[in-house]
Protein backbone atom coordinates (compact mmCIF):
# COMPACT_ATOMS: atom_id res chain seq x y z
CA MET A 1 -2.09 17.42 -6.03
CA ILE A 2 -2.55 14.64 -8.03
CA ALA A 3 -3.96 16.48 -11.08
CA LEU A 4 -1.59 19.27 -10.83
CA LEU A 5 1.31 16.54 -11.10
CA PHE A 6 -0.73 14.76 -14.01
CA LEU A 7 -0.96 18.46 -15.61
CA ALA A 8 2.63 19.27 -15.36
CA TYR A 9 3.51 15.87 -16.65
CA VAL A 10 1.35 16.26 -19.82
CA VAL A 11 2.77 19.58 -20.06
CA VAL A 12 6.44 18.53 -20.35
CA GLU A 13 5.99 15.79 -22.51
CA ILE A 14 4.06 17.61 -25.31
CA GLY A 15 6.73 20.17 -25.14
CA VAL A 16 9.63 17.87 -25.21
CA LEU A 17 7.74 16.16 -28.26
CA ALA A 18 7.15 19.42 -29.97
CA TRP A 19 10.65 19.98 -29.27
CA LEU A 20 12.09 17.13 -30.55
CA GLY A 21 9.70 17.08 -33.78
CA SER A 22 10.83 20.62 -34.75
CA THR A 23 14.67 19.80 -34.17
CA LEU A 24 14.86 16.33 -35.57
CA GLY A 25 11.60 16.16 -37.65
CA ILE A 26 8.13 14.01 -37.17
CA GLY A 27 9.74 10.83 -38.62
CA ALA A 28 12.89 10.70 -36.41
CA THR A 29 10.67 11.92 -33.38
CA ILE A 30 8.50 8.84 -33.72
CA LEU A 31 11.27 6.64 -34.62
CA LEU A 32 12.92 8.12 -31.08
CA PHE A 33 9.77 7.53 -29.06
CA LEU A 34 9.43 3.84 -29.95
CA GLY A 35 13.10 3.70 -29.61
CA VAL A 36 13.04 4.54 -25.73
CA SER A 37 10.08 2.74 -25.51
CA VAL A 38 11.53 -0.43 -26.73
CA LEU A 39 14.50 -0.11 -24.88
CA GLY A 40 12.72 0.72 -21.74
CA TYR A 41 10.72 -2.71 -22.00
CA LEU A 42 13.99 -4.52 -22.90
CA VAL A 43 15.59 -3.05 -19.74
CA LEU A 44 12.69 -3.55 -17.49
CA GLY A 45 12.77 -7.52 -18.35
CA ALA A 46 16.10 -7.81 -17.64
CA GLN A 47 16.49 -5.46 -14.11
CA GLY A 48 13.03 -7.08 -13.25
CA ARG A 49 14.29 -10.69 -13.57
CA ARG A 50 17.28 -10.07 -11.61
CA ALA A 51 15.35 -8.03 -8.80
CA LEU A 52 13.15 -11.09 -8.27
CA GLN A 53 15.77 -13.79 -8.40
CA ASN A 54 17.57 -11.39 -5.69
CA LEU A 55 14.74 -11.32 -3.35
CA GLY A 56 14.23 -14.91 -4.16
CA ARG A 57 17.75 -15.46 -3.20
CA VAL A 58 17.41 -13.21 0.39
CA ARG A 59 14.30 -15.02 1.02
CA SER A 60 16.05 -18.72 0.67
CA THR A 61 18.94 -17.31 2.64
CA ALA A 62 16.66 -16.66 5.46
CA ALA A 63 15.16 -20.09 5.90
CA ASP A 64 18.33 -21.58 5.60
CA ARG A 65 20.20 -19.52 7.90
CA ALA A 66 17.19 -18.86 10.61
CA GLY A 67 18.47 -19.06 14.06
CA PHE A 68 22.11 -20.30 13.09
CA ALA A 69 23.57 -17.38 11.65
CA GLY A 70 26.28 -15.68 13.61
CA ALA A 71 26.81 -11.75 13.95
CA ALA A 72 28.55 -11.88 11.11
CA ASP A 73 26.99 -13.30 8.86
CA ARG A 74 23.57 -11.61 10.12
CA ALA A 75 25.14 -8.39 9.02
CA GLY A 76 25.86 -9.36 5.75
CA PHE A 77 22.73 -10.75 5.52
CA ALA A 78 20.50 -7.71 6.25
CA GLY A 79 23.10 -5.92 3.98
CA ALA A 80 22.02 -8.26 0.98
CA ALA A 81 18.03 -7.89 2.07
CA ASP A 82 18.58 -3.79 2.44
CA ARG A 83 20.12 -4.19 -1.37
CA ALA A 84 17.44 -6.06 -2.70
CA LEU A 85 14.79 -4.34 -1.32
CA THR A 86 15.99 -1.08 -2.11
CA ASP A 87 16.37 -2.07 -5.62
CA GLY A 88 13.03 -3.55 -5.85
CA ALA A 89 11.48 -0.84 -4.76
CA LEU A 90 13.70 1.23 -7.17
CA ILE A 91 12.76 -1.00 -10.24
CA GLY A 92 9.07 -0.86 -9.38
CA VAL A 93 9.31 2.98 -9.70
CA GLY A 94 11.62 2.87 -12.73
CA ALA A 95 8.87 0.04 -14.15
CA ALA A 96 6.08 2.50 -13.62
CA LEU A 97 7.77 5.40 -15.43
CA VAL A 98 8.49 3.32 -18.52
CA LEU A 99 4.67 2.02 -18.68
CA VAL A 100 3.59 5.71 -18.69
CA PRO A 101 3.56 6.99 -22.33
CA GLY A 102 6.09 10.12 -22.94
CA PRO A 103 9.66 10.08 -23.76
CA VAL A 104 10.84 11.78 -20.30
CA THR A 105 9.13 9.45 -18.29
CA SER A 106 10.38 6.54 -20.47
CA ALA A 107 13.91 7.91 -20.28
CA ALA A 108 13.44 8.70 -16.09
CA GLY A 109 12.49 4.88 -15.84
CA ILE A 110 15.26 3.63 -18.07
CA LEU A 111 17.97 5.75 -15.84
CA LEU A 112 16.08 4.16 -12.54
CA LEU A 113 16.53 0.45 -13.80
CA LEU A 114 20.14 0.81 -14.26
CA PRO A 115 22.54 -0.59 -11.75
CA PRO A 116 24.90 2.37 -11.32
CA THR A 117 22.07 4.82 -10.94
CA ARG A 118 20.54 2.73 -8.27
CA ALA A 119 23.16 2.32 -6.34
CA LEU A 120 23.51 6.32 -5.97
CA LEU A 121 19.67 6.51 -5.26
CA ARG A 122 19.91 3.78 -2.69
CA PRO A 123 21.17 6.00 0.29
CA ALA A 124 18.22 8.40 -0.46
CA VAL A 125 15.97 5.41 -0.47
CA ARG A 126 16.79 4.19 2.87
CA ALA A 127 16.56 7.61 4.54
CA VAL A 128 13.15 8.09 3.22
CA ALA A 129 12.31 4.64 4.04
CA ALA A 130 14.06 5.10 7.81
CA ARG A 131 12.27 8.71 8.21
CA LYS A 132 8.65 7.16 7.37
CA VAL A 133 9.25 3.98 10.16
CA ALA A 134 10.46 6.32 13.01
CA ALA A 135 7.21 8.90 11.82
CA ALA A 136 4.46 5.65 12.12
CA ALA A 137 6.94 4.49 15.37
CA ALA A 138 6.49 7.57 17.17
CA ARG A 139 2.67 7.73 16.03
CA GLY A 140 2.04 4.19 17.28
CA GLY A 141 0.95 2.53 14.80
CA GLY A 142 0.84 1.48 11.30
CA PHE A 143 1.69 4.17 8.26
CA ARG A 144 -1.65 5.53 8.63
CA GLY A 145 -1.98 5.72 12.24
CA GLU A 146 -4.66 3.35 12.79
CA ARG A 147 -5.67 2.46 16.19
CA LEU A 148 -7.46 -1.16 17.02
CA VAL A 149 -10.81 -0.60 18.64
CA VAL A 150 -12.03 -3.76 20.20
CA VAL A 151 -15.18 -4.19 22.24
CA ASP A 152 -15.95 -5.89 24.46
CA GLY A 153 -19.37 -8.20 24.24
CA GLU A 154 -21.07 -11.55 23.92
CA VAL A 155 -22.81 -13.66 21.15
CA VAL A 156 -26.09 -14.34 21.75
CA GLU A 157 -28.11 -16.73 19.14
CA HIS A 158 -31.48 -15.41 18.73
CA THR A 159 -34.20 -16.11 15.64
CA VAL A 160 -36.47 -13.39 14.50
CA VAL A 161 -40.23 -13.75 15.17
CA GLY A 162 -41.98 -10.66 13.85
CA THR A 163 -41.33 -7.63 12.27
CA PRO A 164 -42.34 -4.07 12.32
CA ARG A 165 -44.78 -3.04 9.91
CA LEU A 166 -43.93 0.57 8.53
CA GLY A 167 -46.33 3.47 10.29
CA ALA A 168 -47.49 0.81 13.17
CA ALA A 169 -48.46 3.43 16.35
CA THR A 170 -48.05 0.86 18.58
CA PRO A 171 -45.95 1.35 21.51
CA GLY A 172 -43.47 -1.26 22.17
CA ALA A 173 -44.18 -2.78 18.87
CA GLY A 174 -41.01 -3.92 16.71
CA THR A 175 -39.06 -7.19 16.04
CA VAL A 176 -39.61 -9.75 18.77
CA LEU A 177 -36.34 -11.83 19.73
CA GLU A 178 -36.22 -15.25 21.38
CA GLY A 179 -33.40 -16.26 23.19
CA GLY A 180 -32.36 -15.97 26.42
CA ASP A 181 -31.82 -12.54 28.54
CA ARG A 182 -28.53 -12.82 29.59
CA ARG A 183 -28.94 -10.06 32.15
CA PRO A 184 -29.36 -10.43 35.99
CA PRO A 185 -33.01 -10.72 36.96
CA ALA A 186 -33.77 -6.89 37.99
CA ALA A 187 -34.86 -6.28 41.60
CA PRO A 188 -38.58 -6.73 42.29
CA ALA A 189 -41.05 -3.19 42.64
CA PRO A 190 -41.72 -2.07 46.07
CA ALA A 191 -45.44 -2.81 46.66
CA LEU A 192 -47.51 -0.42 47.16
CA THR A 193 -49.37 -0.21 50.77
CA GLY A 194 -52.01 2.38 51.26
CA HIS A 195 -55.04 3.33 50.78
CA THR A 196 -55.81 6.34 48.10
CA GLY A 197 -58.94 7.69 48.54
């Protein structure tokens, strides 16, 4: 799947560069390519800084109002937190697209970095996140369905006295451990009475 996406990316980017080169000329295509990249970096810097400030504001608001907010304040805070998180996710994807070389990915990244585009995509991001959380809850665990395995046991301290030799044929030969045996003593074997003759 990843190889197919990479192949599609390469084909699209080369196709667009070839079309731009034949339409505008090599010099104009190179200038356009560099201009889109520089514009992407500038928008990324401004919007990334704003997103970090919004996340910091939400965090400080949560710390200031912990346990003291009324229902209306909690709803407003939840909306601000939701917006800051979805904007942060969209800015992250936009940043990744701006950093990937190519005019198509840079233009898509710039679009994701612009506030009006993020406002349009915010409900879709919320829906995808809600679906993933619901699926994880249905599986009863994390996003990958990991299970926690608890092994009941006891740690016994010991020291190694000897190590087995390779190819040793002696039965019972092996590593000898010093330490207390915490198992209850076994019942003695029944004594043999009787004479065999």
